[in-house]
């Protein structure tokens, strides 16, 4: 029941998609789990394993990247300086905070509070920007709030991409990867599929559409 790090066994992309494994939870084979020897290094390992360099190194170990067995993940070389790097830890913490905030509106998450739609509804700062005529038409108002929810997701994901780009640069610096090799790694990752680099805004895909926000409200 210790806090650790986990990732899905079945790969959905070239990224490891590692995340915090909450304290008090149970795990099974569907989500591989590791427990850092030093809990203070968990965020650093998380930041490293979700970086472009880690994705590239994992492909070298397991080119098919179908089942992400823990034995393969443990083969990723870890530079000792990164384990105690305060910048990587803080940037990774920032990402966790953003994801936790988004999870508060996801009814499938253990952090769920209420749908994003309802979280924005009483927000006067948001509603003050809505035209009076729009507010008088309930259907139009609902559509407008759903649009605000969508824009919020895009905003959060852009911020995630910005932070991940900074982490990538920091990881490259710690590992001594020069600009030429960084470019080679990016091109290699892009051969897996179009727009696979995680710092590309073209990769932003909505998890919830405007209509789904409304449907989730009805379900709630």
Protein backbone atom coordinates (compact mmCIF):
# COMPACT_ATOMS: atom_id res chain seq x y z
CA UNK A 1 0.00 0.00 0.00
CA UNK A 2 2.98 2.33 -0.47
CA UNK A 3 2.99 5.22 -2.92
CA UNK A 4 4.90 4.40 -6.08
CA UNK A 5 4.89 4.81 -9.84
CA UNK A 6 2.87 2.83 -12.36
CA UNK A 7 2.22 2.56 -16.09
CA UNK A 8 -0.16 0.52 -18.30
CA UNK A 9 1.06 -2.92 -19.35
CA UNK A 10 -0.45 -2.56 -22.83
CA UNK A 11 1.22 0.32 -24.66
CA UNK A 12 -1.08 2.90 -26.24
CA UNK A 13 1.69 5.12 -27.60
CA UNK A 14 5.47 5.37 -27.68
CA UNK A 15 5.39 7.22 -24.35
CA UNK A 16 5.67 5.26 -21.14
CA UNK A 17 2.71 7.17 -19.66
CA UNK A 18 4.07 6.68 -16.15
CA UNK A 19 2.07 8.20 -13.31
CA UNK A 20 1.85 8.39 -9.54
CA UNK A 21 0.55 5.22 -7.87
CA UNK A 22 -1.50 6.54 -4.91
CA UNK A 23 -0.76 5.41 -1.37
CA UNK A 24 -3.25 2.85 -0.10
CA UNK A 25 -3.99 1.44 -3.57
CA UNK A 26 -3.63 -2.13 -4.80
CA UNK A 27 -1.99 -3.08 -8.09
CA UNK A 28 -2.09 -6.02 -10.48
CA UNK A 29 -0.61 -7.05 -13.81
CA UNK A 30 -2.72 -4.54 -15.77
CA UNK A 31 -0.57 -1.73 -14.37
CA UNK A 32 3.10 -2.41 -13.82
CA UNK A 33 4.31 -0.74 -10.61
CA UNK A 34 7.66 0.21 -9.14
CA UNK A 35 8.54 1.62 -5.75
CA UNK A 36 11.58 3.96 -5.63
CA UNK A 37 14.14 3.12 -2.94
CA UNK A 38 13.97 6.80 -1.90
CA UNK A 39 10.51 8.33 -1.97
CA UNK A 40 12.07 11.77 -2.46
CA UNK A 41 13.26 10.62 -5.90
CA UNK A 42 9.84 9.53 -7.16
CA UNK A 43 9.11 12.77 -9.03
CA UNK A 44 12.56 12.76 -10.63
CA UNK A 45 12.09 9.21 -11.91
CA UNK A 46 8.60 10.11 -13.12
CA UNK A 47 9.92 13.11 -15.04
CA UNK A 48 12.70 11.06 -16.60
CA UNK A 49 10.49 8.14 -17.64
CA UNK A 50 7.95 10.43 -19.33
CA UNK A 51 10.64 12.25 -21.31
CA UNK A 52 11.44 11.90 -25.02
CA UNK A 53 14.82 10.40 -24.18
CA UNK A 54 13.22 7.63 -22.09
CA UNK A 55 10.78 6.85 -24.93
CA UNK A 56 13.69 6.59 -27.34
CA UNK A 57 15.76 4.41 -25.00
CA UNK A 58 12.80 2.11 -24.38
CA UNK A 59 12.36 1.61 -28.12
CA UNK A 60 15.98 0.48 -28.28
CA UNK A 61 15.24 -2.17 -25.64
CA UNK A 62 11.82 -3.23 -26.94
CA UNK A 63 11.18 -2.03 -30.54
CA UNK A 64 7.71 -3.61 -30.64
CA UNK A 65 6.66 -1.81 -27.40
CA UNK A 66 3.47 -3.81 -27.05
CA UNK A 67 3.72 -5.13 -23.49
CA UNK A 68 5.67 -2.84 -21.17
CA UNK A 69 7.05 -5.38 -18.75
CA UNK A 70 8.79 -4.01 -15.68
CA UNK A 71 12.00 -5.83 -16.62
CA UNK A 72 12.28 -3.81 -19.82
CA UNK A 73 11.52 -0.50 -18.10
CA UNK A 74 14.21 -1.21 -15.52
CA UNK A 75 16.75 -1.46 -18.35
CA UNK A 76 16.41 2.27 -19.06
CA UNK A 77 19.71 3.79 -17.87
CA UNK A 78 19.32 6.33 -15.08
CA UNK A 79 21.92 9.07 -14.69
CA UNK A 80 22.49 9.59 -10.97
CA UNK A 81 22.41 13.43 -11.15
CA UNK A 82 18.82 13.35 -12.36
CA UNK A 83 17.61 11.57 -9.22
CA UNK A 84 18.21 14.63 -7.07
CA UNK A 85 17.73 17.38 -9.65
CA UNK A 86 15.37 19.98 -8.11
CA UNK A 87 14.31 21.43 -11.48
CA UNK A 88 13.09 18.09 -12.83
CA UNK A 89 11.28 17.39 -9.56
CA UNK A 90 9.51 20.77 -9.53
CA UNK A 91 8.51 20.62 -13.20
CA UNK A 92 7.15 17.12 -12.74
CA UNK A 93 5.22 18.28 -9.66
CA UNK A 94 3.70 21.07 -11.77
CA UNK A 95 2.52 18.49 -14.32
CA UNK A 96 0.98 16.37 -11.56
CA UNK A 97 -0.91 19.38 -10.21
CA UNK A 98 -2.34 20.17 -13.65
CA UNK A 99 -3.42 16.56 -14.20
CA UNK A 100 -4.97 16.36 -10.74
CA UNK A 101 -6.93 19.51 -11.49
CA UNK A 102 -8.27 18.04 -14.71
CA UNK A 103 -9.13 14.76 -12.94
CA UNK A 104 -11.45 16.64 -10.59
CA UNK A 105 -13.92 16.88 -13.49
CA UNK A 106 -13.49 13.28 -14.67
CA UNK A 107 -16.09 11.00 -13.10
CA UNK A 108 -13.89 7.94 -13.76
CA UNK A 109 -11.11 9.35 -11.57
CA UNK A 110 -10.75 8.81 -7.82
CA UNK A 111 -10.16 12.58 -7.60
CA UNK A 112 -13.55 13.39 -9.13
CA UNK A 113 -15.51 16.20 -7.47
CA UNK A 114 -18.06 17.31 -10.04
CA UNK A 115 -18.26 17.69 -13.85
CA UNK A 116 -16.22 20.45 -15.41
CA UNK A 117 -19.49 21.96 -16.64
CA UNK A 118 -20.65 22.60 -13.07
CA UNK A 119 -17.24 23.84 -12.03
CA UNK A 120 -17.43 26.63 -14.61
CA UNK A 121 -21.13 27.42 -14.19
CA UNK A 122 -20.78 29.54 -11.01
CA UNK A 123 -17.54 31.14 -12.17
CA UNK A 124 -18.45 34.83 -12.44
CA UNK A 125 -15.21 35.66 -14.20
CA UNK A 126 -16.22 33.29 -16.98
CA UNK A 127 -19.93 34.14 -17.09
CA UNK A 128 -19.23 37.89 -17.17
CA UNK A 129 -17.65 37.32 -20.58
CA UNK A 130 -20.85 35.78 -21.91
CA UNK A 131 -23.13 38.09 -23.86
CA UNK A 132 -26.45 38.93 -22.12
CA UNK A 133 -28.46 37.67 -25.09
CA UNK A 134 -26.60 34.38 -24.92
CA UNK A 135 -27.36 34.05 -21.20
CA UNK A 136 -31.08 34.52 -21.86
CA UNK A 137 -31.11 31.55 -24.23
CA UNK A 138 -30.59 28.43 -22.10
CA UNK A 139 -29.61 26.21 -25.02
CA UNK A 140 -27.04 28.70 -26.26
CA UNK A 141 -25.74 29.22 -22.71
CA UNK A 142 -25.24 25.49 -22.20
CA UNK A 143 -23.36 25.27 -25.50
CA UNK A 144 -21.21 28.26 -24.49
CA UNK A 145 -20.25 26.75 -21.13
CA UNK A 146 -19.43 23.44 -22.85
CA UNK A 147 -17.18 25.40 -25.21
CA UNK A 148 -15.45 26.98 -22.20
CA UNK A 149 -14.79 23.47 -20.86
CA UNK A 150 -13.22 22.43 -24.16
CA UNK A 151 -11.04 25.55 -24.27
CA UNK A 152 -9.93 24.88 -20.70
CA UNK A 153 -8.78 21.39 -21.64
CA UNK A 154 -6.82 22.78 -24.59
CA UNK A 155 -5.26 25.41 -22.32
CA UNK A 156 -4.19 22.79 -19.76
CA UNK A 157 -2.75 20.51 -22.43
CA UNK A 158 -0.76 23.33 -23.99
CA UNK A 159 0.74 24.06 -20.58
CA UNK A 160 1.57 20.37 -20.15
CA UNK A 161 3.37 20.37 -23.52
CA UNK A 162 5.33 23.49 -22.55
CA UNK A 163 6.51 21.96 -19.26
CA UNK A 164 7.35 18.62 -20.88
CA UNK A 165 9.46 20.46 -23.42
CA UNK A 166 11.46 22.05 -20.58
CA UNK A 167 11.88 18.66 -18.89
CA UNK A 168 13.12 17.17 -22.16
CA UNK A 169 15.78 19.87 -22.43
CA UNK A 170 16.85 19.34 -18.83
CA UNK A 171 17.06 15.56 -19.25
CA UNK A 172 19.10 15.95 -22.43
CA UNK A 173 21.46 18.32 -20.62
CA UNK A 174 21.99 15.92 -17.70
CA UNK A 175 22.65 13.01 -20.08
CA UNK A 176 24.97 15.12 -22.22
CA UNK A 177 22.89 14.76 -25.39
CA UNK A 178 23.94 17.46 -27.87
CA UNK A 179 21.65 19.30 -30.30
CA UNK A 180 22.46 17.00 -33.24
CA UNK A 181 21.57 13.88 -31.27
CA UNK A 182 18.42 15.54 -29.93
CA UNK A 183 17.32 16.21 -33.50
CA UNK A 184 18.10 12.60 -34.44
CA UNK A 185 16.02 11.32 -31.51
CA UNK A 186 13.10 13.54 -32.50
CA UNK A 187 13.20 12.31 -36.10
CA UNK A 188 13.46 8.69 -34.95
CA UNK A 189 10.39 9.08 -32.74
CA UNK A 190 8.49 10.73 -35.57
CA UNK A 191 9.08 7.70 -37.81
CA UNK A 192 6.72 5.78 -35.51
CA UNK A 193 3.87 7.95 -36.73
CA UNK A 194 2.97 11.55 -37.64
CA UNK A 195 3.27 14.20 -34.94
CA UNK A 196 4.50 11.80 -32.27
CA UNK A 197 6.80 14.29 -30.56
CA UNK A 198 5.16 15.18 -27.26
CA UNK A 199 6.04 18.87 -27.44
CA UNK A 200 4.07 19.38 -30.67
CA UNK A 201 0.77 21.26 -30.25
CA UNK A 202 -0.64 19.33 -33.21
CA UNK A 203 -0.77 16.37 -30.83
CA UNK A 204 -3.44 17.97 -28.67
CA UNK A 205 -6.47 15.72 -28.75
CA UNK A 206 -9.61 16.40 -26.76
CA UNK A 207 -10.50 13.78 -24.18
CA UNK A 208 -13.99 15.25 -23.87
CA UNK A 209 -15.89 17.05 -26.63
CA UNK A 210 -18.38 19.84 -25.97
CA UNK A 211 -21.31 17.44 -26.44
CA UNK A 212 -19.72 14.90 -24.09
CA UNK A 213 -19.44 17.56 -21.41
CA UNK A 214 -23.19 18.07 -21.66
CA UNK A 215 -23.85 14.30 -21.66
CA UNK A 216 -21.67 13.86 -18.57
CA UNK A 217 -23.67 16.59 -16.85
CA UNK A 218 -26.88 14.68 -17.54
CA UNK A 219 -25.28 11.45 -16.31
CA UNK A 220 -24.12 13.20 -13.13
